[in-house]
Amino acid sequence: SMKVALELFKDYQGAIQTDGYAAYGTLEKIKGIIVIYCWAHARRYFERALKHDKARAEYAMTIIGMLYDVERI
């Protein structure tokens, strides 16, 4: 829950990578914390978007794929 996340990171300063769990969204409000999200979870939304806006969804998935390529190196 939000209370647990706030308590766990109350003295933390830096970046926190999350999977998009809503409770972590509150961490964005704490000065000194930068919340970064997981591309694998974000990519799922672009996969769903293929049905509605294929060209832009494919473009986004290509860019995400390029990021994955960099991480493999």
N, C-alpha and C. Protein backbone atom coordinates (compact mmCIF):
# COMPACT_ATOMS: atom_id res chain seq x y z
N SER A 1 0.83 -1.18 0.00
CA SER A 1 0.00 0.00 0.00
C SER A 1 0.87 1.25 0.00
N MET A 2 0.25 2.39 -0.16
CA MET A 2 0.99 3.65 -0.17
C MET A 2 1.72 3.89 1.14
N LYS A 3 1.08 3.54 2.25
CA LYS A 3 1.70 3.75 3.56
C LYS A 3 3.01 2.98 3.68
N VAL A 4 3.01 1.76 3.20
CA VAL A 4 4.21 0.93 3.27
C VAL A 4 5.31 1.53 2.39
N ALA A 5 4.97 1.93 1.19
CA ALA A 5 5.96 2.51 0.28
C ALA A 5 6.55 3.79 0.87
N LEU A 6 5.70 4.65 1.43
CA LEU A 6 6.18 5.89 2.02
C LEU A 6 7.09 5.63 3.21
N GLU A 7 6.73 4.68 4.04
CA GLU A 7 7.55 4.35 5.20
C GLU A 7 8.88 3.73 4.77
N LEU A 8 8.84 2.85 3.82
CA LEU A 8 10.03 2.14 3.36
C LEU A 8 11.06 3.10 2.77
N PHE A 9 10.60 4.10 2.04
CA PHE A 9 11.52 4.99 1.34
C PHE A 9 11.58 6.40 1.93
N LYS A 10 11.13 6.59 3.17
CA LYS A 10 11.03 7.93 3.76
C LYS A 10 12.36 8.67 3.82
N ASP A 11 13.45 7.97 4.01
CA ASP A 11 14.77 8.60 4.10
C ASP A 11 15.62 8.39 2.86
N TYR A 12 15.04 7.83 1.84
CA TYR A 12 15.79 7.49 0.62
C TYR A 12 15.89 8.70 -0.30
N GLN A 13 17.02 8.83 -0.98
CA GLN A 13 17.23 9.83 -2.01
C GLN A 13 17.80 9.11 -3.22
N GLY A 14 17.21 9.30 -4.39
CA GLY A 14 17.72 8.68 -5.60
C GLY A 14 16.60 8.17 -6.47
N ALA A 15 16.96 7.25 -7.37
CA ALA A 15 16.01 6.69 -8.33
C ALA A 15 15.46 5.37 -7.83
N ILE A 16 14.19 5.14 -8.11
CA ILE A 16 13.53 3.88 -7.79
C ILE A 16 12.85 3.38 -9.05
N GLN A 17 13.21 2.19 -9.49
CA GLN A 17 12.55 1.61 -10.66
C GLN A 17 11.41 0.73 -10.18
N THR A 18 10.23 0.96 -10.75
CA THR A 18 9.06 0.19 -10.34
C THR A 18 8.38 -0.42 -11.56
N ASP A 19 7.40 -1.25 -11.26
CA ASP A 19 6.62 -1.89 -12.31
C ASP A 19 5.32 -1.15 -12.60
N GLY A 20 5.16 0.03 -12.04
CA GLY A 20 3.94 0.80 -12.27
C GLY A 20 2.86 0.56 -11.24
N TYR A 21 3.16 -0.20 -10.19
CA TYR A 21 2.20 -0.41 -9.11
C TYR A 21 1.79 0.94 -8.56
N ALA A 22 0.50 1.19 -8.47
CA ALA A 22 -0.03 2.52 -8.14
C ALA A 22 0.52 3.08 -6.82
N ALA A 23 0.79 2.24 -5.86
CA ALA A 23 1.28 2.72 -4.57
C ALA A 23 2.60 3.47 -4.70
N TYR A 24 3.41 3.10 -5.68
CA TYR A 24 4.69 3.76 -5.86
C TYR A 24 4.56 5.14 -6.48
N GLY A 25 3.42 5.44 -7.05
CA GLY A 25 3.20 6.75 -7.65
C GLY A 25 3.32 7.87 -6.63
N THR A 26 3.01 7.60 -5.39
CA THR A 26 3.12 8.61 -4.34
C THR A 26 4.57 9.01 -4.09
N LEU A 27 5.50 8.14 -4.43
CA LEU A 27 6.91 8.44 -4.22
C LEU A 27 7.38 9.60 -5.08
N GLU A 28 6.69 9.83 -6.20
CA GLU A 28 7.07 10.94 -7.09
C GLU A 28 6.93 12.29 -6.39
N LYS A 29 6.14 12.35 -5.36
CA LYS A 29 5.89 13.60 -4.64
C LYS A 29 6.96 13.91 -3.61
N ILE A 30 7.84 12.96 -3.33
CA ILE A 30 8.87 13.15 -2.32
C ILE A 30 10.10 13.78 -2.97
N LYS A 31 10.53 14.91 -2.41
CA LYS A 31 11.71 15.58 -2.93
C LYS A 31 12.92 14.67 -2.83
N GLY A 32 13.67 14.57 -3.93
CA GLY A 32 14.88 13.76 -3.94
C GLY A 32 14.68 12.36 -4.48
N ILE A 33 13.44 11.99 -4.76
CA ILE A 33 13.18 10.67 -5.34
C ILE A 33 12.73 10.83 -6.79
N ILE A 34 13.34 10.04 -7.64
CA ILE A 34 12.96 9.99 -9.05
C ILE A 34 12.43 8.59 -9.31
N VAL A 35 11.19 8.50 -9.74
CA VAL A 35 10.59 7.20 -10.04
C VAL A 35 10.77 6.92 -11.53
N ILE A 36 11.36 5.78 -11.81
CA ILE A 36 11.52 5.34 -13.20
C ILE A 36 10.76 4.03 -13.36
N TYR A 37 10.22 3.82 -14.54
CA TYR A 37 9.34 2.68 -14.76
C TYR A 37 9.99 1.64 -15.66
N CYS A 38 9.45 0.47 -15.64
CA CYS A 38 9.95 -0.68 -16.38
C CYS A 38 9.41 -0.66 -17.81
N TRP A 39 10.32 -0.75 -18.80
CA TRP A 39 9.89 -0.75 -20.20
C TRP A 39 9.07 -1.99 -20.55
N ALA A 40 9.35 -3.10 -19.91
CA ALA A 40 8.59 -4.32 -20.22
C ALA A 40 7.11 -4.12 -19.90
N HIS A 41 6.84 -3.44 -18.79
CA HIS A 41 5.45 -3.18 -18.43
C HIS A 41 4.83 -2.12 -19.35
N ALA A 42 5.58 -1.10 -19.69
CA ALA A 42 5.08 -0.05 -20.58
C ALA A 42 4.81 -0.61 -21.97
N ARG A 43 5.66 -1.53 -22.41
CA ARG A 43 5.54 -2.10 -23.75
C ARG A 43 4.19 -2.81 -23.95
N ARG A 44 3.67 -3.36 -22.89
CA ARG A 44 2.38 -4.07 -22.97
C ARG A 44 1.27 -3.16 -23.51
N TYR A 45 1.30 -1.90 -23.09
CA TYR A 45 0.27 -0.96 -23.55
C TYR A 45 0.40 -0.69 -25.05
N PHE A 46 1.62 -0.67 -25.55
CA PHE A 46 1.81 -0.47 -26.98
C PHE A 46 1.38 -1.71 -27.76
N GLU A 47 1.57 -2.89 -27.16
CA GLU A 47 1.08 -4.11 -27.80
C GLU A 47 -0.44 -4.05 -27.96
N ARG A 48 -1.11 -3.59 -26.92
CA ARG A 48 -2.58 -3.46 -26.99
C ARG A 48 -2.99 -2.40 -28.00
N ALA A 49 -2.18 -1.35 -28.11
CA ALA A 49 -2.49 -0.24 -29.02
C ALA A 49 -2.36 -0.63 -30.48
N LEU A 50 -1.72 -1.75 -30.78
CA LEU A 50 -1.59 -2.20 -32.17
C LEU A 50 -2.96 -2.32 -32.84
N LYS A 51 -3.98 -2.66 -32.08
CA LYS A 51 -5.33 -2.82 -32.64
C LYS A 51 -5.95 -1.48 -33.03
N HIS A 52 -5.51 -0.40 -32.38
CA HIS A 52 -6.16 0.89 -32.56
C HIS A 52 -5.34 1.90 -33.35
N ASP A 53 -4.02 1.82 -33.25
CA ASP A 53 -3.14 2.76 -33.93
C ASP A 53 -1.84 2.04 -34.25
N LYS A 54 -1.93 1.17 -35.23
CA LYS A 54 -0.84 0.25 -35.53
C LYS A 54 0.48 0.97 -35.84
N ALA A 55 0.44 2.01 -36.63
CA ALA A 55 1.68 2.68 -37.05
C ALA A 55 2.44 3.27 -35.86
N ARG A 56 1.74 4.00 -35.02
CA ARG A 56 2.43 4.61 -33.88
C ARG A 56 2.84 3.57 -32.83
N ALA A 57 2.02 2.56 -32.63
CA ALA A 57 2.37 1.51 -31.67
C ALA A 57 3.60 0.74 -32.14
N GLU A 58 3.66 0.44 -33.44
CA GLU A 58 4.83 -0.26 -33.97
C GLU A 58 6.08 0.60 -33.84
N TYR A 59 5.94 1.89 -34.09
CA TYR A 59 7.08 2.80 -33.94
C TYR A 59 7.59 2.77 -32.49
N ALA A 60 6.69 2.89 -31.53
CA ALA A 60 7.08 2.86 -30.12
C ALA A 60 7.76 1.55 -29.76
N MET A 61 7.21 0.45 -30.26
CA MET A 61 7.79 -0.86 -29.95
C MET A 61 9.17 -1.01 -30.58
N THR A 62 9.38 -0.40 -31.73
CA THR A 62 10.70 -0.41 -32.36
C THR A 62 11.71 0.34 -31.49
N ILE A 63 11.32 1.50 -31.01
CA ILE A 63 12.20 2.29 -30.15
C ILE A 63 12.50 1.54 -28.85
N ILE A 64 11.50 0.94 -28.25
CA ILE A 64 11.71 0.15 -27.03
C ILE A 64 12.65 -1.01 -27.33
N GLY A 65 12.49 -1.63 -28.48
CA GLY A 65 13.38 -2.72 -28.89
C GLY A 65 14.82 -2.25 -28.99
N MET A 66 15.02 -1.02 -29.46
CA MET A 66 16.37 -0.46 -29.55
C MET A 66 16.97 -0.27 -28.14
N LEU A 67 16.14 0.12 -27.21
CA LEU A 67 16.61 0.24 -25.82
C LEU A 67 17.01 -1.13 -25.27
N TYR A 68 16.21 -2.14 -25.59
CA TYR A 68 16.55 -3.50 -25.16
C TYR A 68 17.90 -3.91 -25.76
N ASP A 69 18.14 -3.55 -27.03
CA ASP A 69 19.40 -3.89 -27.68
C ASP A 69 20.59 -3.26 -26.94
N VAL A 70 20.45 -2.01 -26.52
CA VAL A 70 21.51 -1.34 -25.78
C VAL A 70 21.77 -2.05 -24.47
N GLU A 71 20.72 -2.48 -23.79
CA GLU A 71 20.90 -3.15 -22.52
C GLU A 71 21.59 -4.51 -22.66
N ARG A 72 21.44 -5.14 -23.82
CA ARG A 72 22.07 -6.44 -24.04
C ARG A 72 23.59 -6.33 -24.19
N ILE A 73 24.06 -5.17 -24.58
CA ILE A 73 25.49 -4.99 -24.86
C ILE A 73 26.31 -5.01 -23.61
